Amino acid sequence: MNEEVNSKIRELKAEVYKKRLLDELKLAAERFERLGYKVTISITPVDTETEEDK
């Protein structure tokens, strides 16, 4: 039970961290666009599954 709770807490913390990073990227992109740059951001999740997991 305790490990399940800890796992869920880690997941939620990771989601919060990811949201903060995305917000910072958006702000940086807006700043560059105001300076006349075209900004394109592409974020692709990495497949973390190993051969053993398959």
PDB file of N, CA and C in Angstrom:
ATOM      1  N   MET A   1       0.832  -1.196   0.000  1.00  0.00           N
ATOM      2  CA  MET A   1       0.000   0.000   0.000  1.00  0.00           C
ATOM      3  C   MET A   1       0.876   1.260   0.000  1.00  0.00           C
ATOM      4  N   ASN A   2       1.865   1.295   0.881  1.00  0.00           N
ATOM      5  CA  ASN A   2       2.732   2.458   0.996  1.00  0.00           C
ATOM      6  C   ASN A   2       3.502   2.692  -0.307  1.00  0.00           C
ATOM      7  N   GLU A   3       3.958   1.616  -0.928  1.00  0.00           N
ATOM      8  CA  GLU A   3       4.687   1.748  -2.191  1.00  0.00           C
ATOM      9  C   GLU A   3       3.769   2.295  -3.292  1.00  0.00           C
ATOM     10  N   GLU A   4       2.503   1.890  -3.279  1.00  0.00           N
ATOM     11  CA  GLU A   4       1.544   2.403  -4.254  1.00  0.00           C
ATOM     12  C   GLU A   4       1.350   3.904  -4.079  1.00  0.00           C
ATOM     13  N   VAL A   5       1.248   4.337  -2.841  1.00  0.00           N
ATOM     14  CA  VAL A   5       1.071   5.771  -2.550  1.00  0.00           C
ATOM     15  C   VAL A   5       2.307   6.537  -2.994  1.00  0.00           C
ATOM     16  N   ASN A   6       3.489   6.023  -2.674  1.00  0.00           N
ATOM     17  CA  ASN A   6       4.734   6.681  -3.082  1.00  0.00           C
ATOM     18  C   ASN A   6       4.850   6.756  -4.604  1.00  0.00           C
ATOM     19  N   SER A   7       4.441   5.706  -5.273  1.00  0.00           N
ATOM     20  CA  SER A   7       4.480   5.682  -6.729  1.00  0.00           C
ATOM     21  C   SER A   7       3.551   6.743  -7.309  1.00  0.00           C
ATOM     22  N   LYS A   8       2.358   6.865  -6.751  1.00  0.00           N
ATOM     23  CA  LYS A   8       1.397   7.861  -7.221  1.00  0.00           C
ATOM     24  C   LYS A   8       1.925   9.276  -6.969  1.00  0.00           C
ATOM     25  N   ILE A   9       2.550   9.490  -5.821  1.00  0.00           N
ATOM     26  CA  ILE A   9       3.137  10.798  -5.508  1.00  0.00           C
ATOM     27  C   ILE A   9       4.217  11.143  -6.520  1.00  0.00           C
ATOM     28  N   ARG A  10       5.084  10.167  -6.852  1.00  0.00           N
ATOM     29  CA  ARG A  10       6.127  10.399  -7.857  1.00  0.00           C
ATOM     30  C   ARG A  10       5.516  10.766  -9.208  1.00  0.00           C
ATOM     31  N   GLU A  11       4.457  10.061  -9.583  1.00  0.00           N
ATOM     32  CA  GLU A  11       3.778  10.349 -10.857  1.00  0.00           C
ATOM     33  C   GLU A  11       3.239  11.773 -10.877  1.00  0.00           C
ATOM     34  N   LEU A  12       2.601  12.174  -9.787  1.00  0.00           N
ATOM     35  CA  LEU A  12       2.017  13.516  -9.729  1.00  0.00           C
ATOM     36  C   LEU A  12       3.096  14.589  -9.743  1.00  0.00           C
ATOM     37  N   LYS A  13       4.190  14.351  -9.038  1.00  0.00           N
ATOM     38  CA  LYS A  13       5.296  15.306  -9.043  1.00  0.00           C
ATOM     39  C   LYS A  13       5.883  15.440 -10.445  1.00  0.00           C
ATOM     40  N   ALA A  14       5.993  14.331 -11.157  1.00  0.00           N
ATOM     41  CA  ALA A  14       6.519  14.355 -12.525  1.00  0.00           C
ATOM     42  C   ALA A  14       5.588  15.155 -13.438  1.00  0.00           C
ATOM     43  N   GLU A  15       4.292  15.004 -13.261  1.00  0.00           N
ATOM     44  CA  GLU A  15       3.328  15.749 -14.074  1.00  0.00           C
ATOM     45  C   GLU A  15       3.433  17.254 -13.802  1.00  0.00           C
ATOM     46  N   VAL A  16       3.575  17.616 -12.535  1.00  0.00           N
ATOM     47  CA  VAL A  16       3.709  19.033 -12.171  1.00  0.00           C
ATOM     48  C   VAL A  16       4.989  19.600 -12.778  1.00  0.00           C
ATOM     49  N   TYR A  17       6.086  18.857 -12.680  1.00  0.00           N
ATOM     50  CA  TYR A  17       7.364  19.291 -13.236  1.00  0.00           C
ATOM     51  C   TYR A  17       7.259  19.473 -14.746  1.00  0.00           C
ATOM     52  N   LYS A  18       6.618  18.511 -15.409  1.00  0.00           N
ATOM     53  CA  LYS A  18       6.448  18.578 -16.861  1.00  0.00           C
ATOM     54  C   LYS A  18       5.623  19.810 -17.241  1.00  0.00           C
ATOM     55  N   LYS A  19       4.564  20.088 -16.495  1.00  0.00           N
ATOM     56  CA  LYS A  19       3.725  21.261 -16.779  1.00  0.00           C
ATOM     57  C   LYS A  19       4.520  22.547 -16.617  1.00  0.00           C
ATOM     58  N   ARG A  20       5.330  22.629 -15.567  1.00  0.00           N
ATOM     59  CA  ARG A  20       6.154  23.826 -15.359  1.00  0.00           C
ATOM     60  C   ARG A  20       7.141  24.032 -16.499  1.00  0.00           C
ATOM     61  N   LEU A  21       7.775  22.945 -16.942  1.00  0.00           N
ATOM     62  CA  LEU A  21       8.714  23.049 -18.060  1.00  0.00           C
ATOM     63  C   LEU A  21       8.016  23.528 -19.326  1.00  0.00           C
ATOM     64  N   LEU A  22       6.834  22.980 -19.598  1.00  0.00           N
ATOM     65  CA  LEU A  22       6.094  23.397 -20.789  1.00  0.00           C
ATOM     66  C   LEU A  22       5.704  24.869 -20.709  1.00  0.00           C
ATOM     67  N   ASP A  23       5.308  25.322 -19.515  1.00  0.00           N
ATOM     68  CA  ASP A  23       4.970  26.733 -19.340  1.00  0.00           C
ATOM     69  C   ASP A  23       6.175  27.622 -19.595  1.00  0.00           C
ATOM     70  N   GLU A  24       7.346  27.210 -19.103  1.00  0.00           N
ATOM     71  CA  GLU A  24       8.567  27.978 -19.332  1.00  0.00           C
ATOM     72  C   GLU A  24       8.935  28.010 -20.816  1.00  0.00           C
ATOM     73  N   LEU A  25       8.765  26.882 -21.499  1.00  0.00           N
ATOM     74  CA  LEU A  25       9.031  26.843 -22.941  1.00  0.00           C
ATOM     75  C   LEU A  25       8.108  27.781 -23.697  1.00  0.00           C
ATOM     76  N   LYS A  26       6.836  27.805 -23.312  1.00  0.00           N
ATOM     77  CA  LYS A  26       5.879  28.686 -23.973  1.00  0.00           C
ATOM     78  C   LYS A  26       6.266  30.153 -23.775  1.00  0.00           C
ATOM     79  N   LEU A  27       6.660  30.505 -22.562  1.00  0.00           N
ATOM     80  CA  LEU A  27       7.072  31.882 -22.299  1.00  0.00           C
ATOM     81  C   LEU A  27       8.300  32.261 -23.114  1.00  0.00           C
ATOM     82  N   ALA A  28       9.262  31.348 -23.176  1.00  0.00           N
ATOM     83  CA  ALA A  28      10.476  31.614 -23.962  1.00  0.00           C
ATOM     84  C   ALA A  28      10.127  31.763 -25.440  1.00  0.00           C
ATOM     85  N   ALA A  29       9.242  30.922 -25.942  1.00  0.00           N
ATOM     86  CA  ALA A  29       8.831  31.000 -27.343  1.00  0.00           C
ATOM     87  C   ALA A  29       8.166  32.344 -27.630  1.00  0.00           C
ATOM     88  N   GLU A  30       7.307  32.794 -26.728  1.00  0.00           N
ATOM     89  CA  GLU A  30       6.646  34.087 -26.906  1.00  0.00           C
ATOM     90  C   GLU A  30       7.668  35.223 -26.955  1.00  0.00           C
ATOM     91  N   ARG A  31       8.681  35.149 -26.113  1.00  0.00           N
ATOM     92  CA  ARG A  31       9.721  36.194 -26.101  1.00  0.00           C
ATOM     93  C   ARG A  31      10.483  36.223 -27.425  1.00  0.00           C
ATOM     94  N   PHE A  32      10.842  35.052 -27.925  1.00  0.00           N
ATOM     95  CA  PHE A  32      11.554  34.988 -29.204  1.00  0.00           C
ATOM     96  C   PHE A  32      10.672  35.489 -30.340  1.00  0.00           C
ATOM     97  N   GLU A  33       9.380  35.152 -30.309  1.00  0.00           N
ATOM     98  CA  GLU A  33       8.477  35.615 -31.353  1.00  0.00           C
ATOM     99  C   GLU A  33       8.359  37.138 -31.335  1.00  0.00           C
ATOM    100  N   ARG A  34       8.357  37.723 -30.150  1.00  0.00           N
ATOM    101  CA  ARG A  34       8.315  39.185 -30.061  1.00  0.00           C
ATOM    102  C   ARG A  34       9.574  39.823 -30.639  1.00  0.00           C
ATOM    103  N   LEU A  35      10.664  39.072 -30.627  1.00  0.00           N
ATOM    104  CA  LEU A  35      11.916  39.565 -31.198  1.00  0.00           C
ATOM    105  C   LEU A  35      12.008  39.306 -32.700  1.00  0.00           C
ATOM    106  N   GLY A  36      10.970  38.688 -33.267  1.00  0.00           N
ATOM    107  CA  GLY A  36      10.931  38.478 -34.701  1.00  0.00           C
ATOM    108  C   GLY A  36      11.347  37.094 -35.164  1.00  0.00           C
ATOM    109  N   TYR A  37      11.520  36.182 -34.248  1.00  0.00           N
ATOM    110  CA  TYR A  37      11.897  34.814 -34.623  1.00  0.00           C
ATOM    111  C   TYR A  37      10.653  33.952 -34.786  1.00  0.00           C
ATOM    112  N   LYS A  38      10.769  32.959 -35.658  1.00  0.00           N
ATOM    113  CA  LYS A  38       9.728  31.944 -35.765  1.00  0.00           C
ATOM    114  C   LYS A  38      10.142  30.796 -34.853  1.00  0.00           C
ATOM    115  N   VAL A  39       9.235  30.357 -34.002  1.00  0.00           N
ATOM    116  CA  VAL A  39       9.562  29.318 -33.021  1.00  0.00           C
ATOM    117  C   VAL A  39       8.718  28.081 -33.289  1.00  0.00           C
ATOM    118  N   THR A  40       9.386  26.941 -33.355  1.00  0.00           N
ATOM    119  CA  THR A  40       8.710  25.654 -33.481  1.00  0.00           C
ATOM    120  C   THR A  40       9.270  24.732 -32.414  1.00  0.00           C
ATOM    121  N   ILE A  41       8.385  24.166 -31.614  1.00  0.00           N
ATOM    122  CA  ILE A  41       8.810  23.259 -30.548  1.00  0.00           C
ATOM    123  C   ILE A  41       8.143  21.909 -30.777  1.00  0.00           C
ATOM    124  N   SER A  42       8.939  20.867 -30.749  1.00  0.00           N
ATOM    125  CA  SER A  42       8.415  19.519 -30.901  1.00  0.00           C
ATOM    126  C   SER A  42       8.904  18.678 -29.725  1.00  0.00           C
ATOM    127  N   ILE A  43       7.959  18.074 -29.023  1.00  0.00           N
ATOM    128  CA  ILE A  43       8.314  17.235 -27.881  1.00  0.00           C
ATOM    129  C   ILE A  43       7.739  15.846 -28.131  1.00  0.00           C
ATOM    130  N   THR A  44       8.620  14.858 -28.126  1.00  0.00           N
ATOM    131  CA  THR A  44       8.215  13.481 -28.391  1.00  0.00           C
ATOM    132  C   THR A  44       8.651  12.598 -27.229  1.00  0.00           C
ATOM    133  N   PRO A  45       7.746  11.821 -26.664  1.00  0.00           N
ATOM    134  CA  PRO A  45       8.131  10.941 -25.567  1.00  0.00           C
ATOM    135  C   PRO A  45       9.107   9.863 -26.034  1.00  0.00           C
ATOM    136  N   VAL A  46      10.012   9.504 -25.163  1.00  0.00           N
ATOM    137  CA  VAL A  46      10.999   8.475 -25.453  1.00  0.00           C
ATOM    138  C   VAL A  46      10.431   7.136 -25.014  1.00  0.00           C
ATOM    139  N   ASP A  47      10.627   6.121 -25.850  1.00  0.00           N
ATOM    140  CA  ASP A  47      10.177   4.780 -25.495  1.00  0.00           C
ATOM    141  C   ASP A  47      11.159   4.209 -24.479  1.00  0.00           C
ATOM    142  N   THR A  48      10.705   4.070 -23.233  1.00  0.00           N
ATOM    143  CA  THR A  48      11.591   3.587 -22.169  1.00  0.00           C
ATOM    144  C   THR A  48      11.463   2.086 -21.939  1.00  0.00           C
ATOM    145  N   GLU A  49      10.667   1.425 -22.771  1.00  0.00           N
ATOM    146  CA  GLU A  49      10.468  -0.016 -22.639  1.00  0.00           C
ATOM    147  C   GLU A  49      11.755  -0.744 -23.090  1.00  0.00           C
ATOM    148  N   THR A  50      12.228  -1.657 -22.261  1.00  0.00           N
ATOM    149  CA  THR A  50      13.432  -2.405 -22.604  1.00  0.00           C
ATOM    150  C   THR A  50      13.059  -3.750 -23.205  1.00  0.00           C
ATOM    151  N   GLU A  51      14.054  -4.464 -23.682  1.00  0.00           N
ATOM    152  CA  GLU A  51      13.814  -5.796 -24.251  1.00  0.00           C
ATOM    153  C   GLU A  51      13.199  -6.736 -23.205  1.00  0.00           C
ATOM    154  N   GLU A  52      13.626  -6.589 -21.943  1.00  0.00           N
ATOM    155  CA  GLU A  52      13.089  -7.458 -20.884  1.00  0.00           C
ATOM    156  C   GLU A  52      11.608  -7.199 -20.650  1.00  0.00           C
ATOM    157  N   ASP A  53      11.175  -5.927 -20.824  1.00  0.00           N
ATOM    158  CA  ASP A  53       9.780  -5.576 -20.613  1.00  0.00           C
ATOM    159  C   ASP A  53       8.880  -6.140 -21.699  1.00  0.00           C
ATOM    160  N   LYS A  54       9.447  -6.386 -22.882  1.00  0.00           N
ATOM    161  CA  LYS A  54       8.643  -6.862 -24.014  1.00  0.00           C
ATOM    162  C   LYS A  54       8.327  -8.278 -23.899  1.00  0.00           C
TER     163      LYS A  54
END
